[in-house]
């Protein structure tokens, strides 16, 4: 694994952990969901960079697959989470 593959994997894992923290904490915690979403996007972008640089190994594909699977599951079971994150992104700009 090369640098971009490792960083992509790290960002995706931290993003997933942030999503899990939002459900483990008592009550609703929007910042954890927002941070998790941003970290997942950063991990996916770095994964695409790893593919573009043609790094060796198949580990560069794992974060990308995980990114799409996590977003699919979130939109399937909690569709309003995506709307909240999009609203946050709209209000920031």
PDB file of N, CA and C in Angstrom:
ATOM      1  N   UNK A   1       0.842  -1.185   0.000  1.00  0.00           N
ATOM      2  CA  UNK A   1       0.000   0.000   0.000  1.00  0.00           C
ATOM      3  C   UNK A   1       0.884   1.243   0.000  1.00  0.00           C
ATOM      4  N   UNK A   2       0.455   2.187  -0.752  1.00  0.00           N
ATOM      5  CA  UNK A   2       1.185   3.444  -0.843  1.00  0.00           C
ATOM      6  C   UNK A   2       0.506   4.511   0.002  1.00  0.00           C
ATOM      7  N   UNK A   3       1.047   5.697  -0.045  1.00  0.00           N
ATOM      8  CA  UNK A   3       0.605   6.784   0.828  1.00  0.00           C
ATOM      9  C   UNK A   3      -0.860   7.147   0.637  1.00  0.00           C
ATOM     10  N   UNK A   4      -1.292   7.348  -0.605  1.00  0.00           N
ATOM     11  CA  UNK A   4      -2.674   7.764  -0.828  1.00  0.00           C
ATOM     12  C   UNK A   4      -3.660   6.665  -0.445  1.00  0.00           C
ATOM     13  N   UNK A   5      -3.295   5.416  -0.675  1.00  0.00           N
ATOM     14  CA  UNK A   5      -4.171   4.309  -0.295  1.00  0.00           C
ATOM     15  C   UNK A   5      -4.342   4.251   1.220  1.00  0.00           C
ATOM     16  N   UNK A   6      -3.255   4.440   1.929  1.00  0.00           N
ATOM     17  CA  UNK A   6      -3.312   4.400   3.395  1.00  0.00           C
ATOM     18  C   UNK A   6      -4.146   5.556   3.933  1.00  0.00           C
ATOM     19  N   UNK A   7      -3.901   6.764   3.426  1.00  0.00           N
ATOM     20  CA  UNK A   7      -4.660   7.924   3.907  1.00  0.00           C
ATOM     21  C   UNK A   7      -6.139   7.804   3.559  1.00  0.00           C
ATOM     22  N   UNK A   8      -6.436   7.270   2.404  1.00  0.00           N
ATOM     23  CA  UNK A   8      -7.827   7.069   2.020  1.00  0.00           C
ATOM     24  C   UNK A   8      -8.509   6.118   2.994  1.00  0.00           C
ATOM     25  N   UNK A   9      -7.832   5.031   3.310  1.00  0.00           N
ATOM     26  CA  UNK A   9      -8.378   4.058   4.253  1.00  0.00           C
ATOM     27  C   UNK A   9      -8.574   4.681   5.633  1.00  0.00           C
ATOM     28  N   UNK A  10      -7.609   5.475   6.082  1.00  0.00           N
ATOM     29  CA  UNK A  10      -7.690   6.120   7.402  1.00  0.00           C
ATOM     30  C   UNK A  10      -8.880   7.073   7.470  1.00  0.00           C
ATOM     31  N   UNK A  11      -9.054   7.912   6.449  1.00  0.00           N
ATOM     32  CA  UNK A  11     -10.167   8.865   6.455  1.00  0.00           C
ATOM     33  C   UNK A  11     -11.519   8.160   6.426  1.00  0.00           C
ATOM     34  N   UNK A  12     -11.630   7.089   5.661  1.00  0.00           N
ATOM     35  CA  UNK A  12     -12.903   6.367   5.597  1.00  0.00           C
ATOM     36  C   UNK A  12     -13.205   5.699   6.936  1.00  0.00           C
ATOM     37  N   UNK A  13     -12.210   5.110   7.566  1.00  0.00           N
ATOM     38  CA  UNK A  13     -12.433   4.463   8.866  1.00  0.00           C
ATOM     39  C   UNK A  13     -12.832   5.492   9.921  1.00  0.00           C
ATOM     40  N   UNK A  14     -12.160   6.630   9.948  1.00  0.00           N
ATOM     41  CA  UNK A  14     -12.517   7.672  10.916  1.00  0.00           C
ATOM     42  C   UNK A  14     -13.912   8.215  10.627  1.00  0.00           C
ATOM     43  N   UNK A  15     -14.272   8.344   9.354  1.00  0.00           N
ATOM     44  CA  UNK A  15     -15.619   8.788   8.992  1.00  0.00           C
ATOM     45  C   UNK A  15     -16.684   7.813   9.455  1.00  0.00           C
ATOM     46  N   UNK A  16     -16.428   6.517   9.289  1.00  0.00           N
ATOM     47  CA  UNK A  16     -17.385   5.508   9.753  1.00  0.00           C
ATOM     48  C   UNK A  16     -17.486   5.533  11.269  1.00  0.00           C
ATOM     49  N   UNK A  17     -16.358   5.677  11.946  1.00  0.00           N
ATOM     50  CA  UNK A  17     -16.392   5.763  13.411  1.00  0.00           C
ATOM     51  C   UNK A  17     -17.170   6.990  13.877  1.00  0.00           C
ATOM     52  N   UNK A  18     -17.070   8.072  13.142  1.00  0.00           N
ATOM     53  CA  UNK A  18     -17.827   9.276  13.486  1.00  0.00           C
ATOM     54  C   UNK A  18     -19.323   9.039  13.332  1.00  0.00           C
ATOM     55  N   UNK A  19     -19.717   8.346  12.259  1.00  0.00           N
ATOM     56  CA  UNK A  19     -21.126   7.980  12.092  1.00  0.00           C
ATOM     57  C   UNK A  19     -21.600   7.107  13.248  1.00  0.00           C
ATOM     58  N   UNK A  20     -20.779   6.130  13.637  1.00  0.00           N
ATOM     59  CA  UNK A  20     -21.161   5.244  14.738  1.00  0.00           C
ATOM     60  C   UNK A  20     -21.265   5.998  16.056  1.00  0.00           C
ATOM     61  N   UNK A  21     -20.391   6.980  16.256  1.00  0.00           N
ATOM     62  CA  UNK A  21     -20.445   7.783  17.485  1.00  0.00           C
ATOM     63  C   UNK A  21     -21.762   8.533  17.590  1.00  0.00           C
ATOM     64  N   UNK A  22     -22.295   8.983  16.458  1.00  0.00           N
ATOM     65  CA  UNK A  22     -23.545   9.747  16.496  1.00  0.00           C
ATOM     66  C   UNK A  22     -24.705   8.882  16.967  1.00  0.00           C
ATOM     67  N   UNK A  23     -24.656   7.582  16.692  1.00  0.00           N
ATOM     68  CA  UNK A  23     -25.735   6.715  17.157  1.00  0.00           C
ATOM     69  C   UNK A  23     -25.479   6.175  18.559  1.00  0.00           C
ATOM     70  N   UNK A  24     -24.230   6.140  18.997  1.00  0.00           N
ATOM     71  CA  UNK A  24     -23.936   5.644  20.336  1.00  0.00           C
ATOM     72  C   UNK A  24     -24.167   6.694  21.410  1.00  0.00           C
ATOM     73  N   UNK A  25     -23.992   7.954  21.053  1.00  0.00           N
ATOM     74  CA  UNK A  25     -24.185   9.029  22.020  1.00  0.00           C
ATOM     75  C   UNK A  25     -25.672   9.203  22.271  1.00  0.00           C
ATOM     76  N   UNK A  26     -26.012   9.446  23.504  1.00  0.00           N
ATOM     77  CA  UNK A  26     -27.411   9.631  23.876  1.00  0.00           C
ATOM     78  C   UNK A  26     -27.964  10.883  23.205  1.00  0.00           C
ATOM     79  N   UNK A  27     -29.054  10.740  22.507  1.00  0.00           N
ATOM     80  CA  UNK A  27     -29.629  11.877  21.792  1.00  0.00           C
ATOM     81  C   UNK A  27     -29.072  11.962  20.386  1.00  0.00           C
ATOM     82  N   UNK A  28     -29.346  13.049  19.740  1.00  0.00           N
ATOM     83  CA  UNK A  28     -28.916  13.230  18.359  1.00  0.00           C
ATOM     84  C   UNK A  28     -27.740  14.191  18.298  1.00  0.00           C
ATOM     85  N   UNK A  29     -26.736  13.810  17.565  1.00  0.00           N
ATOM     86  CA  UNK A  29     -25.532  14.628  17.470  1.00  0.00           C
ATOM     87  C   UNK A  29     -25.208  14.896  15.998  1.00  0.00           C
ATOM     88  N   UNK A  30     -25.653  16.035  15.491  1.00  0.00           N
ATOM     89  CA  UNK A  30     -25.438  16.392  14.089  1.00  0.00           C
ATOM     90  C   UNK A  30     -23.973  16.605  13.719  1.00  0.00           C
ATOM     91  N   UNK A  31     -23.158  17.205  14.580  1.00  0.00           N
ATOM     92  CA  UNK A  31     -21.759  17.428  14.168  1.00  0.00           C
ATOM     93  C   UNK A  31     -21.006  16.137  13.844  1.00  0.00           C
ATOM     94  N   UNK A  32     -21.301  15.053  14.563  1.00  0.00           N
ATOM     95  CA  UNK A  32     -20.628  13.792  14.261  1.00  0.00           C
ATOM     96  C   UNK A  32     -21.009  13.282  12.876  1.00  0.00           C
ATOM     97  N   UNK A  33     -22.269  13.434  12.513  1.00  0.00           N
ATOM     98  CA  UNK A  33     -22.716  13.001  11.189  1.00  0.00           C
ATOM     99  C   UNK A  33     -22.066  13.863  10.115  1.00  0.00           C
ATOM    100  N   UNK A  34     -22.025  15.161  10.345  1.00  0.00           N
ATOM    101  CA  UNK A  34     -21.417  16.076   9.376  1.00  0.00           C
ATOM    102  C   UNK A  34     -19.933  15.777   9.198  1.00  0.00           C
ATOM    103  N   UNK A  35     -19.214  15.608  10.300  1.00  0.00           N
ATOM    104  CA  UNK A  35     -17.781  15.307  10.236  1.00  0.00           C
ATOM    105  C   UNK A  35     -17.549  13.960   9.557  1.00  0.00           C
ATOM    106  N   UNK A  36     -18.383  12.973   9.886  1.00  0.00           N
ATOM    107  CA  UNK A  36     -18.260  11.665   9.249  1.00  0.00           C
ATOM    108  C   UNK A  36     -18.467  11.729   7.751  1.00  0.00           C
ATOM    109  N   UNK A  37     -19.458  12.510   7.330  1.00  0.00           N
ATOM    110  CA  UNK A  37     -19.739  12.662   5.900  1.00  0.00           C
ATOM    111  C   UNK A  37     -18.565  13.330   5.189  1.00  0.00           C
ATOM    112  N   UNK A  38     -18.030  14.382   5.777  1.00  0.00           N
ATOM    113  CA  UNK A  38     -16.894  15.086   5.171  1.00  0.00           C
ATOM    114  C   UNK A  38     -15.670  14.174   5.092  1.00  0.00           C
ATOM    115  N   UNK A  39     -15.408  13.411   6.154  1.00  0.00           N
ATOM    116  CA  UNK A  39     -14.256  12.509   6.141  1.00  0.00           C
ATOM    117  C   UNK A  39     -14.427  11.391   5.118  1.00  0.00           C
ATOM    118  N   UNK A  40     -15.653  10.898   4.956  1.00  0.00           N
ATOM    119  CA  UNK A  40     -15.897   9.892   3.924  1.00  0.00           C
ATOM    120  C   UNK A  40     -15.638  10.456   2.532  1.00  0.00           C
ATOM    121  N   UNK A  41     -16.071  11.678   2.294  1.00  0.00           N
ATOM    122  CA  UNK A  41     -15.834  12.302   0.989  1.00  0.00           C
ATOM    123  C   UNK A  41     -14.338  12.511   0.755  1.00  0.00           C
ATOM    124  N   UNK A  42     -13.625  12.976   1.781  1.00  0.00           N
ATOM    125  CA  UNK A  42     -12.175  13.167   1.647  1.00  0.00           C
ATOM    126  C   UNK A  42     -11.491  11.834   1.360  1.00  0.00           C
ATOM    127  N   UNK A  43     -11.906  10.780   2.065  1.00  0.00           N
ATOM    128  CA  UNK A  43     -11.340   9.457   1.818  1.00  0.00           C
ATOM    129  C   UNK A  43     -11.597   8.967   0.407  1.00  0.00           C
ATOM    130  N   UNK A  44     -12.799   9.221  -0.111  1.00  0.00           N
ATOM    131  CA  UNK A  44     -13.112   8.808  -1.483  1.00  0.00           C
ATOM    132  C   UNK A  44     -12.285   9.595  -2.494  1.00  0.00           C
ATOM    133  N   UNK A  45     -12.122  10.886  -2.268  1.00  0.00           N
ATOM    134  CA  UNK A  45     -11.316  11.702  -3.188  1.00  0.00           C
ATOM    135  C   UNK A  45      -9.867  11.231  -3.192  1.00  0.00           C
ATOM    136  N   UNK A  46      -9.330  10.957  -2.017  1.00  0.00           N
ATOM    137  CA  UNK A  46      -7.951  10.469  -1.945  1.00  0.00           C
ATOM    138  C   UNK A  46      -7.848   9.083  -2.585  1.00  0.00           C
ATOM    139  N   UNK A  47      -8.903   8.269  -2.458  1.00  0.00           N
ATOM    140  CA  UNK A  47      -8.918   6.972  -3.132  1.00  0.00           C
ATOM    141  C   UNK A  47      -8.879   7.113  -4.643  1.00  0.00           C
ATOM    142  N   UNK A  48      -9.625   8.085  -5.177  1.00  0.00           N
ATOM    143  CA  UNK A  48      -9.575   8.333  -6.617  1.00  0.00           C
ATOM    144  C   UNK A  48      -8.189   8.823  -7.043  1.00  0.00           C
ATOM    145  N   UNK A  49      -7.545   9.601  -6.188  1.00  0.00           N
ATOM    146  CA  UNK A  49      -6.177  10.048  -6.488  1.00  0.00           C
ATOM    147  C   UNK A  49      -5.233   8.851  -6.525  1.00  0.00           C
ATOM    148  N   UNK A  50      -5.421   7.907  -5.583  1.00  0.00           N
ATOM    149  CA  UNK A  50      -4.583   6.703  -5.563  1.00  0.00           C
ATOM    150  C   UNK A  50      -4.775   5.886  -6.836  1.00  0.00           C
ATOM    151  N   UNK A  51      -6.005   5.810  -7.318  1.00  0.00           N
ATOM    152  CA  UNK A  51      -6.255   5.082  -8.565  1.00  0.00           C
ATOM    153  C   UNK A  51      -5.629   5.823  -9.745  1.00  0.00           C
ATOM    154  N   UNK A  52      -5.747   7.147  -9.751  1.00  0.00           N
ATOM    155  CA  UNK A  52      -5.183   7.938 -10.851  1.00  0.00           C
ATOM    156  C   UNK A  52      -3.660   7.826 -10.900  1.00  0.00           C
ATOM    157  N   UNK A  53      -3.029   7.713  -9.737  1.00  0.00           N
ATOM    158  CA  UNK A  53      -1.570   7.583  -9.692  1.00  0.00           C
ATOM    159  C   UNK A  53      -1.117   6.143  -9.913  1.00  0.00           C
ATOM    160  N   UNK A  54      -2.083   5.230 -10.065  1.00  0.00           N
ATOM    161  CA  UNK A  54      -1.820   3.810 -10.339  1.00  0.00           C
ATOM    162  C   UNK A  54      -0.929   3.184  -9.273  1.00  0.00           C
ATOM    163  N   UNK A  55      -1.327   3.383  -8.015  1.00  0.00           N
ATOM    164  CA  UNK A  55      -0.586   2.769  -6.921  1.00  0.00           C
ATOM    165  C   UNK A  55      -0.789   1.262  -6.947  1.00  0.00           C
ATOM    166  N   UNK A  56       0.201   0.547  -6.469  1.00  0.00           N
ATOM    167  CA  UNK A  56       0.145  -0.912  -6.477  1.00  0.00           C
ATOM    168  C   UNK A  56      -0.820  -1.416  -5.410  1.00  0.00           C
ATOM    169  N   UNK A  57      -1.374  -2.583  -5.661  1.00  0.00           N
ATOM    170  CA  UNK A  57      -2.227  -3.243  -4.687  1.00  0.00           C
ATOM    171  C   UNK A  57      -3.699  -2.939  -4.883  1.00  0.00           C
ATOM    172  N   UNK A  58      -4.504  -3.751  -4.238  1.00  0.00           N
ATOM    173  CA  UNK A  58      -5.952  -3.585  -4.349  1.00  0.00           C
ATOM    174  C   UNK A  58      -6.561  -2.838  -3.185  1.00  0.00           C
ATOM    175  N   UNK A  59      -5.728  -2.411  -2.251  1.00  0.00           N
ATOM    176  CA  UNK A  59      -6.246  -1.716  -1.067  1.00  0.00           C
ATOM    177  C   UNK A  59      -6.836  -0.355  -1.404  1.00  0.00           C
ATOM    178  N   UNK A  60      -6.493   0.193  -2.541  1.00  0.00           N
ATOM    179  CA  UNK A  60      -7.025   1.508  -2.920  1.00  0.00           C
ATOM    180  C   UNK A  60      -8.502   1.438  -3.267  1.00  0.00           C
ATOM    181  N   UNK A  61      -9.002   0.230  -3.573  1.00  0.00           N
ATOM    182  CA  UNK A  61     -10.410   0.078  -3.932  1.00  0.00           C
ATOM    183  C   UNK A  61     -11.309  -0.104  -2.710  1.00  0.00           C
ATOM    184  N   UNK A  62     -10.761  -0.587  -1.615  1.00  0.00           N
ATOM    185  CA  UNK A  62     -11.561  -0.858  -0.413  1.00  0.00           C
ATOM    186  C   UNK A  62     -12.223   0.406   0.130  1.00  0.00           C
ATOM    187  N   UNK A  63     -11.515   1.527   0.293  1.00  0.00           N
ATOM    188  CA  UNK A  63     -12.194   2.735   0.785  1.00  0.00           C
ATOM    189  C   UNK A  63     -13.280   3.250  -0.153  1.00  0.00           C
ATOM    190  N   UNK A  64     -13.094   3.107  -1.455  1.00  0.00           N
ATOM    191  CA  UNK A  64     -14.116   3.570  -2.395  1.00  0.00           C
ATOM    192  C   UNK A  64     -15.376   2.723  -2.304  1.00  0.00           C
ATOM    193  N   UNK A  65     -15.197   1.414  -2.226  1.00  0.00           N
ATOM    194  CA  UNK A  65     -16.357   0.531  -2.080  1.00  0.00           C
ATOM    195  C   UNK A  65     -17.054   0.807  -0.753  1.00  0.00           C
ATOM    196  N   UNK A  66     -16.277   0.979   0.300  1.00  0.00           N
ATOM    197  CA  UNK A  66     -16.845   1.278   1.612  1.00  0.00           C
ATOM    198  C   UNK A  66     -17.609   2.593   1.590  1.00  0.00           C
ATOM    199  N   UNK A  67     -17.079   3.602   0.922  1.00  0.00           N
ATOM    200  CA  UNK A  67     -17.744   4.896   0.810  1.00  0.00           C
ATOM    201  C   UNK A  67     -19.132   4.739   0.205  1.00  0.00           C
ATOM    202  N   UNK A  68     -19.220   4.042  -0.916  1.00  0.00           N
ATOM    203  CA  UNK A  68     -20.508   3.898  -1.582  1.00  0.00           C
ATOM    204  C   UNK A  68     -21.463   2.999  -0.798  1.00  0.00           C
ATOM    205  N   UNK A  69     -20.947   1.964  -0.148  1.00  0.00           N
ATOM    206  CA  UNK A  69     -21.802   1.085   0.652  1.00  0.00           C
ATOM    207  C   UNK A  69     -22.356   1.834   1.859  1.00  0.00           C
ATOM    208  N   UNK A  70     -21.518   2.598   2.544  1.00  0.00           N
ATOM    209  CA  UNK A  70     -21.977   3.352   3.717  1.00  0.00           C
ATOM    210  C   UNK A  70     -23.016   4.390   3.313  1.00  0.00           C
ATOM    211  N   UNK A  71     -22.772   5.123   2.244  1.00  0.00           N
ATOM    212  CA  UNK A  71     -23.759   6.113   1.805  1.00  0.00           C
ATOM    213  C   UNK A  71     -25.058   5.457   1.355  1.00  0.00           C
ATOM    214  N   UNK A  72     -24.966   4.277   0.740  1.00  0.00           N
ATOM    215  CA  UNK A  72     -26.178   3.557   0.356  1.00  0.00           C
ATOM    216  C   UNK A  72     -26.965   3.137   1.587  1.00  0.00           C
ATOM    217  N   UNK A  73     -26.273   2.582   2.587  1.00  0.00           N
ATOM    218  CA  UNK A  73     -26.962   2.135   3.799  1.00  0.00           C
ATOM    219  C   UNK A  73     -27.557   3.300   4.578  1.00  0.00           C
ATOM    220  N   UNK A  74     -26.840   4.406   4.648  1.00  0.00           N
ATOM    221  CA  UNK A  74     -27.370   5.577   5.346  1.00  0.00           C
ATOM    222  C   UNK A  74     -28.596   6.109   4.624  1.00  0.00           C
ATOM    223  N   UNK A  75     -28.532   6.190   3.309  1.00  0.00           N
ATOM    224  CA  UNK A  75     -29.693   6.701   2.575  1.00  0.00           C
ATOM    225  C   UNK A  75     -30.846   5.708   2.582  1.00  0.00           C
ATOM    226  N   UNK A  76     -30.572   4.435   2.770  1.00  0.00           N
ATOM    227  CA  UNK A  76     -31.626   3.432   2.828  1.00  0.00           C
ATOM    228  C   UNK A  76     -32.339   3.443   4.176  1.00  0.00           C
ATOM    229  N   UNK A  77     -31.579   3.493   5.267  1.00  0.00           N
ATOM    230  CA  UNK A  77     -32.172   3.397   6.597  1.00  0.00           C
ATOM    231  C   UNK A  77     -32.442   4.751   7.247  1.00  0.00           C
ATOM    232  N   UNK A  78     -31.662   5.753   6.939  1.00  0.00           N
ATOM    233  CA  UNK A  78     -31.818   7.086   7.530  1.00  0.00           C
ATOM    234  C   UNK A  78     -31.760   8.144   6.429  1.00  0.00           C
ATOM    235  N   UNK A  79     -32.773   8.242   5.578  1.00  0.00           N
ATOM    236  CA  UNK A  79     -32.674   9.162   4.434  1.00  0.00           C
ATOM    237  C   UNK A  79     -32.578  10.631   4.827  1.00  0.00           C
ATOM    238  N   UNK A  80     -33.099  11.001   5.983  1.00  0.00           N
ATOM    239  CA  UNK A  80     -33.056  12.405   6.377  1.00  0.00           C
ATOM    240  C   UNK A  80     -31.672  12.836   6.852  1.00  0.00           C
ATOM    241  N   UNK A  81     -30.790  11.877   7.152  1.00  0.00           N
ATOM    242  CA  UNK A  81     -29.416  12.233   7.523  1.00  0.00           C
ATOM    243  C   UNK A  81     -28.713  12.924   6.353  1.00  0.00           C
ATOM    244  N   UNK A  82     -28.936  12.420   5.157  1.00  0.00           N
ATOM    245  CA  UNK A  82     -28.319  13.017   3.971  1.00  0.00           C
ATOM    246  C   UNK A  82     -28.850  14.430   3.766  1.00  0.00           C
ATOM    247  N   UNK A  83     -30.155  14.627   3.976  1.00  0.00           N
ATOM    248  CA  UNK A  83     -30.734  15.966   3.831  1.00  0.00           C
ATOM    249  C   UNK A  83     -30.161  16.936   4.855  1.00  0.00           C
ATOM    250  N   UNK A  84     -29.936  16.461   6.072  1.00  0.00           N
ATOM    251  CA  UNK A  84     -29.346  17.326   7.101  1.00  0.00           C
ATOM    252  C   UNK A  84     -27.935  17.748   6.715  1.00  0.00           C
ATOM    253  N   UNK A  85     -27.158  16.800   6.219  1.00  0.00           N
ATOM    254  CA  UNK A  85     -25.784  17.113   5.832  1.00  0.00           C
ATOM    255  C   UNK A  85     -25.772  18.086   4.660  1.00  0.00           C
ATOM    256  N   UNK A  86     -26.641  17.875   3.684  1.00  0.00           N
ATOM    257  CA  UNK A  86     -26.706  18.791   2.543  1.00  0.00           C
ATOM    258  C   UNK A  86     -27.122  20.184   3.005  1.00  0.00           C
ATOM    259  N   UNK A  87     -28.054  20.262   3.962  1.00  0.00           N
ATOM    260  CA  UNK A  87     -28.459  21.558   4.505  1.00  0.00           C
ATOM    261  C   UNK A  87     -27.292  22.234   5.211  1.00  0.00           C
ATOM    262  N   UNK A  88     -26.512  21.466   5.976  1.00  0.00           N
ATOM    263  CA  UNK A  88     -25.332  22.023   6.637  1.00  0.00           C
ATOM    264  C   UNK A  88     -24.362  22.579   5.604  1.00  0.00           C
ATOM    265  N   UNK A  89     -24.115  21.808   4.548  1.00  0.00           N
ATOM    266  CA  UNK A  89     -23.179  22.267   3.517  1.00  0.00           C
ATOM    267  C   UNK A  89     -23.694  23.520   2.825  1.00  0.00           C
ATOM    268  N   UNK A  90     -24.998  23.610   2.621  1.00  0.00           N
ATOM    269  CA  UNK A  90     -25.580  24.788   1.984  1.00  0.00           C
ATOM    270  C   UNK A  90     -25.431  26.015   2.881  1.00  0.00           C
ATOM    271  N   UNK A  91     -25.638  25.838   4.178  1.00  0.00           N
ATOM    272  CA  UNK A  91     -25.558  26.965   5.107  1.00  0.00           C
ATOM    273  C   UNK A  91     -24.125  27.433   5.340  1.00  0.00           C
ATOM    274  N   UNK A  92     -23.156  26.567   5.138  1.00  0.00           N
ATOM    275  CA  UNK A  92     -21.758  26.952   5.339  1.00  0.00           C
ATOM    276  C   UNK A  92     -21.296  27.884   4.229  1.00  0.00           C
ATOM    277  N   UNK A  93     -21.731  27.628   3.002  1.00  0.00           N
ATOM    278  CA  UNK A  93     -21.255  28.435   1.866  1.00  0.00           C
ATOM    279  C   UNK A  93     -21.962  29.746   1.752  1.00  0.00           C
TER     280      UNK A  93
END
